[in-house]
Amino acid sequence: MEIRTKSVPGDVPGVFAGLDETLKLLKGTDTTVWSLPEGSLFAPYEPVMTLEGRYRDFSTLETPLLGFLCQASGIATKARVVKDAAGEKPVFHFGSRRMHPAISPMIGRSAFIGGCDGVAVSKTAETLGIEPVGTIPHALILLLEDSTTATGMFEEIFGDSVNTVALVDTFGDEKFEALENADLIEGLNAVRLDTPSSRRGDMLQIAKEVRWELDLHGFEDVGIFISGGLDEESIPPLNEVADAYGVGTSISNAPVVDYSLDIVEIDGEPMAKRGKLSGAKQLFVCDSCGERKIAPWVVKEMSCPRCQKRMGKRLVKMIDDGEVLVDDRDPKEIREYSLEQTLRIPGTEGT
């Protein structure tokens, strides 16, 4: 059986995620699994996983298996797209409150693997081995009835261990609240702009105005953190002035990668339904020039048609007859592995 997709949302390279739960699902079954390592980039029609076993023993696991991979890969892919849009600026995942809390750890993990620099849910951050991130909420300012009072209280209690970020659009104008906080809070690291769409106008111009006034008054070291309805289309213009982003719904509610799982071989004989290529397949990738080729499983070696270097096999045996052969990987390692990869899909602008 083979798992692949005909398309990736946004016509970009996909980021393969969900393998951790898949290995736990198939552990102890009479199944052998070859898979891309988690965090790998992939293109449409490339096999991301191949399974071998008795279909009768596997059939009840097909639906949860695809569920693990489809949603996790969709979130990781969107996170990578957003991270690429932000360039070198940090992107923090703020989207867990948009989804059922039971799947919050999966959402945060997938967003982190895809490229987000941090997550806002403390339990998720704990499972990732990182510190949670976030800023003062509007609720604190509303309860204390003043932005600088809330920021000052936060700085007094947490300032030695956490960067202080003032939320400057609860009651007043962003420019004047930013200046007031910067003037009164000695340890202020940044101001956060989270202006609602009904009052927003041009966020880029608002941010530019805030930056101008902060610099003019000697607060060049105070950064600008922007959040609220951001995605890969709205972020690039803001890179001119923003120092970091909080991105929520566009990542947590990302379209799934529509993987399908199909029988491609029975008792060693190629066999597939209409519209599918029969026979088990391996993905070969050239580490020198990035060329990618799909070949029948029986092909043991392949030379790159572009640069003539030897191409490497990407599908790795992860489970042998129910025995998991690989150790759990640190999510930070998976994220680094994912971000260092590039892949261009012919005919698109994805990289």
Protein backbone atom coordinates (compact mmCIF):
# COMPACT_ATOMS: atom_id res chain seq x y z
CA MET A 1 0.00 0.00 0.00
CA GLU A 2 1.19 3.48 -0.82
CA ILE A 3 0.37 6.91 0.61
CA ARG A 4 0.64 9.98 -1.62
CA THR A 5 -1.32 13.07 -2.60
CA LYS A 6 -2.19 14.55 -5.98
CA SER A 7 -1.82 18.12 -4.71
CA VAL A 8 -0.62 20.22 -1.81
CA PRO A 9 -2.73 23.21 -0.65
CA GLY A 10 -1.30 26.38 -2.15
CA ASP A 11 0.71 24.55 -4.82
CA VAL A 12 3.76 24.54 -2.54
CA PRO A 13 5.98 21.72 -1.28
CA GLY A 14 4.37 19.80 1.55
CA VAL A 15 5.92 19.21 4.96
CA PHE A 16 5.47 15.61 6.08
CA ALA A 17 4.22 15.38 9.68
CA GLY A 18 2.25 13.00 11.90
CA LEU A 19 4.77 10.17 11.73
CA ASP A 20 5.20 10.03 15.52
CA GLU A 21 1.57 9.02 16.09
CA THR A 22 1.59 6.72 13.06
CA LEU A 23 4.50 4.70 14.43
CA LYS A 24 2.67 4.28 17.74
CA LEU A 25 -0.49 3.23 15.88
CA LEU A 26 1.27 0.52 13.87
CA LYS A 27 3.64 -0.71 16.57
CA GLY A 28 2.99 -4.39 17.31
CA THR A 29 0.99 -5.00 14.12
CA ASP A 30 2.04 -7.41 11.37
CA THR A 31 3.01 -4.44 9.22
CA THR A 32 6.29 -3.24 7.72
CA VAL A 33 6.59 0.48 7.01
CA TRP A 34 8.93 2.57 4.87
CA SER A 35 8.46 6.32 5.22
CA LEU A 36 9.93 9.73 4.65
CA PRO A 37 11.52 11.05 7.86
CA GLU A 38 9.22 13.46 9.64
CA GLY A 39 9.79 17.05 8.52
CA SER A 40 10.67 16.03 4.97
CA LEU A 41 9.49 18.18 2.09
CA PHE A 42 7.53 16.38 -0.61
CA ALA A 43 5.80 17.11 -3.90
CA PRO A 44 2.51 15.84 -5.38
CA TYR A 45 2.49 12.22 -6.56
CA GLU A 46 5.58 11.33 -4.54
CA PRO A 47 5.12 8.39 -2.16
CA VAL A 48 5.52 9.54 1.44
CA MET A 49 4.92 6.12 2.97
CA THR A 50 4.74 2.49 1.84
CA LEU A 51 3.22 -0.28 3.95
CA GLU A 52 3.43 -4.03 3.56
CA GLY A 53 1.23 -6.56 5.35
CA ARG A 54 -2.06 -8.43 5.28
CA TYR A 55 -4.81 -5.97 4.46
CA ARG A 56 -7.20 -7.82 6.75
CA ASP A 57 -4.92 -7.01 9.70
CA PHE A 58 -4.48 -3.40 8.66
CA SER A 59 -7.88 -2.28 7.35
CA THR A 60 -9.27 -1.03 10.69
CA LEU A 61 -6.25 1.27 11.08
CA GLU A 62 -6.49 2.96 7.69
CA THR A 63 -8.78 5.80 8.76
CA PRO A 64 -6.85 6.89 11.89
CA LEU A 65 -3.56 6.56 10.01
CA LEU A 66 -4.68 8.97 7.29
CA GLY A 67 -6.16 11.26 9.94
CA PHE A 68 -2.82 11.52 11.71
CA LEU A 69 -0.90 12.30 8.53
CA CYS A 70 -3.39 14.50 6.64
CA GLN A 71 -4.04 17.10 9.32
CA ALA A 72 -0.55 17.21 10.83
CA SER A 73 1.03 17.61 7.38
CA GLY A 74 -1.48 20.34 6.46
CA ILE A 75 -0.64 22.37 9.56
CA ALA A 76 3.12 21.86 9.17
CA THR A 77 2.90 22.87 5.51
CA LYS A 78 1.00 26.07 6.31
CA ALA A 79 3.43 26.92 9.08
CA ARG A 80 6.33 26.58 6.64
CA VAL A 81 4.59 28.87 4.13
CA VAL A 82 3.96 31.50 6.81
CA LYS A 83 7.50 31.20 8.15
CA ASP A 84 8.92 31.64 4.64
CA ALA A 85 6.74 34.74 4.21
CA ALA A 86 8.18 36.23 7.41
CA GLY A 87 11.78 35.69 6.32
CA GLU A 88 14.12 36.01 9.30
CA LYS A 89 11.39 37.41 11.57
CA PRO A 90 10.20 35.04 14.34
CA VAL A 91 6.70 33.56 13.99
CA PHE A 92 4.91 32.30 17.09
CA HIS A 93 1.92 29.99 16.94
CA PHE A 94 -1.15 31.52 18.63
CA GLY A 95 -3.84 29.30 17.07
CA SER A 96 -4.60 26.55 19.58
CA ARG A 97 -7.67 28.34 20.93
CA ARG A 98 -9.26 28.05 17.50
CA MET A 99 -9.40 24.24 17.70
CA HIS A 100 -10.62 21.55 20.09
CA PRO A 101 -8.24 21.35 23.06
CA ALA A 102 -7.90 17.60 22.68
CA ILE A 103 -5.83 18.13 19.53
CA SER A 104 -3.99 21.23 20.71
CA PRO A 105 -0.69 19.37 21.29
CA MET A 106 -0.79 17.96 17.75
CA ILE A 107 -1.52 21.39 16.28
CA GLY A 108 1.30 23.04 18.19
CA ARG A 109 3.78 20.27 17.43
CA SER A 110 2.99 20.34 13.72
CA ALA A 111 3.21 24.15 13.61
CA PHE A 112 6.58 24.01 15.34
CA ILE A 113 7.93 21.29 13.03
CA GLY A 114 6.77 23.29 10.02
CA GLY A 115 8.69 26.37 11.06
CA CYS A 116 7.04 28.34 13.88
CA ASP A 117 9.61 29.58 16.38
CA GLY A 118 7.46 28.95 19.43
CA VAL A 119 3.98 28.06 20.71
CA ALA A 120 1.70 29.78 23.19
CA VAL A 121 0.25 26.77 25.04
CA SER A 122 2.41 25.83 28.03
CA LYS A 123 1.57 22.11 27.95
CA THR A 124 2.40 21.88 24.25
CA ALA A 125 5.65 23.75 24.79
CA GLU A 126 6.53 21.31 27.57
CA THR A 127 6.08 18.33 25.25
CA LEU A 128 8.29 20.06 22.66
CA GLY A 129 11.02 20.80 25.19
CA ILE A 130 10.78 24.58 24.69
CA GLU A 131 9.55 27.56 26.67
CA PRO A 132 6.01 28.81 25.91
CA VAL A 133 5.64 32.29 24.42
CA GLY A 134 2.94 34.91 24.57
CA THR A 135 2.14 38.49 25.56
CA ILE A 136 -0.08 40.37 27.99
CA PRO A 137 -3.76 39.76 27.12
CA HIS A 138 -6.37 42.42 26.59
CA ALA A 139 -8.19 40.96 29.60
CA LEU A 140 -5.47 42.08 32.03
CA ILE A 141 -5.58 45.62 30.68
CA LEU A 142 -9.38 45.72 30.82
CA LEU A 143 -9.41 44.49 34.43
CA LEU A 144 -6.80 47.04 35.49
CA GLU A 145 -8.34 49.74 33.26
CA ASP A 146 -4.99 50.96 31.96
CA SER A 147 -2.31 49.64 29.60
CA THR A 148 0.71 51.00 31.44
CA THR A 149 -0.56 49.75 34.81
CA ALA A 150 -0.91 46.23 33.41
CA THR A 151 2.47 46.34 31.67
CA GLY A 152 4.19 47.79 34.73
CA MET A 153 2.72 45.12 36.97
CA PHE A 154 3.84 42.40 34.56
CA GLU A 155 7.35 43.87 34.37
CA GLU A 156 7.60 44.05 38.17
CA ILE A 157 6.55 40.43 38.66
CA PHE A 158 8.03 38.66 35.62
CA GLY A 159 10.51 41.10 34.08
CA ASP A 160 13.61 39.27 35.27
CA SER A 161 12.62 36.03 33.52
CA VAL A 162 10.33 37.01 30.62
CA ASN A 163 10.55 39.71 27.97
CA THR A 164 7.92 42.38 28.58
CA VAL A 165 5.66 43.16 25.60
CA ALA A 166 3.04 45.89 25.96
CA LEU A 167 -0.31 45.49 24.22
CA VAL A 168 -1.03 49.02 23.02
CA ASP A 169 -4.44 49.06 21.32
CA THR A 170 -6.95 48.25 24.07
CA PHE A 171 -8.22 51.72 24.93
CA GLY A 172 -6.29 54.33 22.99
CA ASP A 173 -4.28 55.16 19.91
CA GLU A 174 -1.45 52.72 19.20
CA LYS A 175 1.17 55.45 18.80
CA PHE A 176 0.43 57.24 22.07
CA GLU A 177 0.04 54.05 24.10
CA ALA A 178 3.31 52.74 22.68
CA LEU A 179 5.13 55.93 23.67
CA GLU A 180 3.56 55.98 27.11
CA ASN A 181 4.55 52.37 27.81
CA ALA A 182 8.07 52.88 26.48
CA ASP A 183 8.49 55.99 28.63
CA LEU A 184 7.19 54.45 31.87
CA ILE A 185 8.37 50.82 31.59
CA GLU A 186 12.15 50.71 31.80
CA GLY A 187 12.47 47.04 30.78
CA LEU A 188 10.05 47.15 27.84
CA ASN A 189 11.16 44.85 25.02
CA ALA A 190 8.39 45.38 22.47
CA VAL A 191 4.89 46.65 21.80
CA ARG A 192 2.21 44.44 20.30
CA LEU A 193 -0.24 45.64 17.68
CA ASP A 194 -3.40 43.54 17.60
CA THR A 195 -5.86 46.14 16.35
CA PRO A 196 -9.27 44.69 15.41
CA SER A 197 -10.18 44.82 11.73
CA SER A 198 -13.06 47.23 12.33
CA ARG A 199 -10.59 49.85 13.62
CA ARG A 200 -7.48 48.79 11.77
CA GLY A 201 -7.28 50.78 8.56
CA ASP A 202 -3.82 50.22 7.13
CA MET A 203 -1.80 48.08 9.57
CA LEU A 204 1.45 48.76 7.75
CA GLN A 205 0.98 52.52 8.09
CA ILE A 206 0.00 52.16 11.75
CA ALA A 207 3.14 50.12 12.41
CA LYS A 208 5.31 52.59 10.50
CA GLU A 209 3.86 55.46 12.54
CA VAL A 210 4.55 53.64 15.81
CA ARG A 211 8.10 52.82 14.68
CA TRP A 212 8.76 56.41 13.68
CA GLU A 213 7.60 57.83 17.01
CA LEU A 214 9.46 55.24 19.08
CA ASP A 215 12.71 55.96 17.20
CA LEU A 216 12.20 59.71 17.36
CA HIS A 217 11.84 59.57 21.14
CA GLY A 218 14.89 57.38 21.70
CA PHE A 219 13.24 53.95 21.94
CA GLU A 220 14.98 52.31 19.00
CA ASP A 221 15.45 49.09 20.99
CA VAL A 222 11.70 48.59 21.55
CA GLY A 223 10.47 46.10 18.94
CA ILE A 224 7.11 45.81 17.19
CA PHE A 225 5.16 42.56 17.49
CA ILE A 226 2.14 42.21 15.17
CA SER A 227 -0.75 39.74 15.45
CA GLY A 228 -4.38 39.36 14.42
CA GLY A 229 -5.60 37.60 11.28
CA LEU A 230 -2.17 37.21 9.70
CA ASP A 231 -1.23 34.81 6.91
CA GLU A 232 1.36 34.43 4.16
CA GLU A 233 -0.27 37.17 2.08
CA SER A 234 -0.54 39.86 4.75
CA ILE A 235 2.89 39.30 6.34
CA PRO A 236 5.38 40.24 3.55
CA PRO A 237 4.46 43.96 3.42
CA LEU A 238 4.76 44.13 7.22
CA ASN A 239 8.31 42.76 7.20
CA GLU A 240 9.49 46.30 6.54
CA VAL A 241 8.67 47.27 10.12
CA ALA A 242 7.64 44.22 12.18
CA ASP A 243 10.13 42.41 14.41
CA ALA A 244 7.98 39.33 15.15
CA TYR A 245 4.53 37.88 14.48
CA GLY A 246 1.83 35.97 16.32
CA VAL A 247 -0.12 33.82 13.85
CA GLY A 248 -3.15 31.79 14.82
CA THR A 249 -6.14 30.69 12.78
CA SER A 250 -4.47 30.53 9.37
CA ILE A 251 -2.11 27.85 10.71
CA SER A 252 -4.33 25.91 13.10
CA ASN A 253 -7.19 25.85 10.56
CA ALA A 254 -4.90 24.96 7.64
CA PRO A 255 -6.34 22.81 4.83
CA VAL A 256 -5.37 19.18 5.19
CA VAL A 257 -3.02 17.44 2.81
CA ASP A 258 -5.41 15.13 0.98
CA TYR A 259 -3.39 11.94 1.16
CA SER A 260 -4.85 8.73 -0.20
CA LEU A 261 -3.81 5.19 0.66
CA ASP A 262 -4.03 2.66 -2.16
CA ILE A 263 -3.10 -0.94 -2.76
CA VAL A 264 -0.39 -1.00 -5.43
CA GLU A 265 0.86 -4.58 -5.14
CA ILE A 266 -0.68 -7.94 -4.13
CA ASP A 267 1.47 -11.00 -3.40
CA GLY A 268 4.38 -9.38 -5.21
CA GLU A 269 2.37 -8.61 -8.35
CA PRO A 270 1.72 -4.96 -9.38
CA MET A 271 -1.98 -4.18 -8.88
CA ALA A 272 -3.74 -0.83 -8.58
CA LYS A 273 -7.09 0.78 -9.33
CA ARG A 274 -7.66 3.10 -12.27
CA GLY A 275 -5.78 6.38 -12.01
CA LYS A 276 -2.99 4.93 -9.85
CA LEU A 277 0.43 3.64 -10.87
CA SER A 278 0.79 0.01 -9.82
CA GLY A 279 3.78 -1.45 -8.05
CA ALA A 280 5.74 -0.37 -4.97
CA LYS A 281 7.90 2.71 -5.53
CA GLN A 282 10.93 4.43 -4.04
CA LEU A 283 11.68 8.17 -4.05
CA PHE A 284 15.21 9.08 -5.12
CA VAL A 285 16.65 12.55 -4.44
CA CYS A 286 19.97 14.00 -5.53
CA ASP A 287 21.69 15.75 -2.62
CA SER A 288 23.86 17.73 -5.03
CA CYS A 289 21.31 19.41 -7.30
CA GLY A 290 17.96 18.49 -5.72
CA GLU A 291 16.60 16.46 -8.66
CA ARG A 292 13.82 14.06 -7.59
CA LYS A 293 12.69 10.85 -9.28
CA ILE A 294 10.10 8.17 -8.51
CA ALA A 295 11.22 4.67 -9.51
CA PRO A 296 9.91 1.11 -9.17
CA TRP A 297 10.92 -0.48 -5.86
CA VAL A 298 13.14 -2.99 -7.66
CA VAL A 299 15.47 -0.17 -8.73
CA LYS A 300 18.32 -0.32 -6.23
CA GLU A 301 20.47 2.58 -7.45
CA MET A 302 19.93 5.64 -9.61
CA SER A 303 22.21 8.28 -11.07
CA CYS A 304 20.94 11.84 -11.28
CA PRO A 305 19.86 12.66 -14.84
CA ARG A 306 20.89 16.27 -14.31
CA CYS A 307 24.33 16.11 -12.64
CA GLN A 308 25.12 12.37 -12.83
CA LYS A 309 25.71 12.11 -9.07
CA ARG A 310 24.33 9.15 -7.18
CA MET A 311 20.79 9.76 -5.86
CA GLY A 312 19.76 8.69 -2.39
CA LYS A 313 16.65 6.75 -1.35
CA ARG A 314 14.26 8.78 0.79
CA LEU A 315 11.80 6.14 2.01
CA VAL A 316 13.42 4.58 5.11
CA LYS A 317 12.29 1.41 6.89
CA MET A 318 10.65 2.60 10.10
CA ILE A 319 8.80 -0.56 11.23
CA ASP A 320 9.71 -4.18 10.52
CA ASP A 321 6.81 -6.58 11.10
CA GLY A 322 5.46 -4.44 13.93
CA GLU A 323 8.82 -3.59 15.52
CA VAL A 324 9.67 0.10 15.49
CA LEU A 325 13.25 0.51 14.27
CA VAL A 326 13.77 4.22 14.93
CA ASP A 327 13.99 6.25 18.12
CA ASP A 328 11.78 9.24 18.84
CA ARG A 329 13.32 12.39 17.39
CA ASP A 330 13.50 15.67 19.26
CA PRO A 331 10.98 18.10 17.70
CA LYS A 332 13.70 20.77 17.61
CA GLU A 333 15.82 18.44 15.48
CA ILE A 334 12.87 17.73 13.17
CA ARG A 335 12.17 21.45 12.79
CA GLU A 336 15.80 22.20 11.93
CA TYR A 337 15.84 19.33 9.42
CA SER A 338 12.64 20.62 7.81
CA LEU A 339 13.75 24.25 7.52
CA GLU A 340 17.08 23.42 5.94
CA GLN A 341 15.37 21.70 2.99
CA THR A 342 14.30 23.35 -0.24
CA LEU A 343 12.20 21.92 -3.03
CA ARG A 344 10.83 23.56 -6.16
CA ILE A 345 7.70 22.11 -7.74
CA PRO A 346 7.90 22.54 -11.53
CA GLY A 347 5.51 25.20 -12.79
CA THR A 348 5.00 26.88 -9.39
CA GLU A 349 6.68 29.52 -7.28
CA GLY A 350 7.00 27.19 -4.24
CA THR A 351 10.48 26.66 -2.81
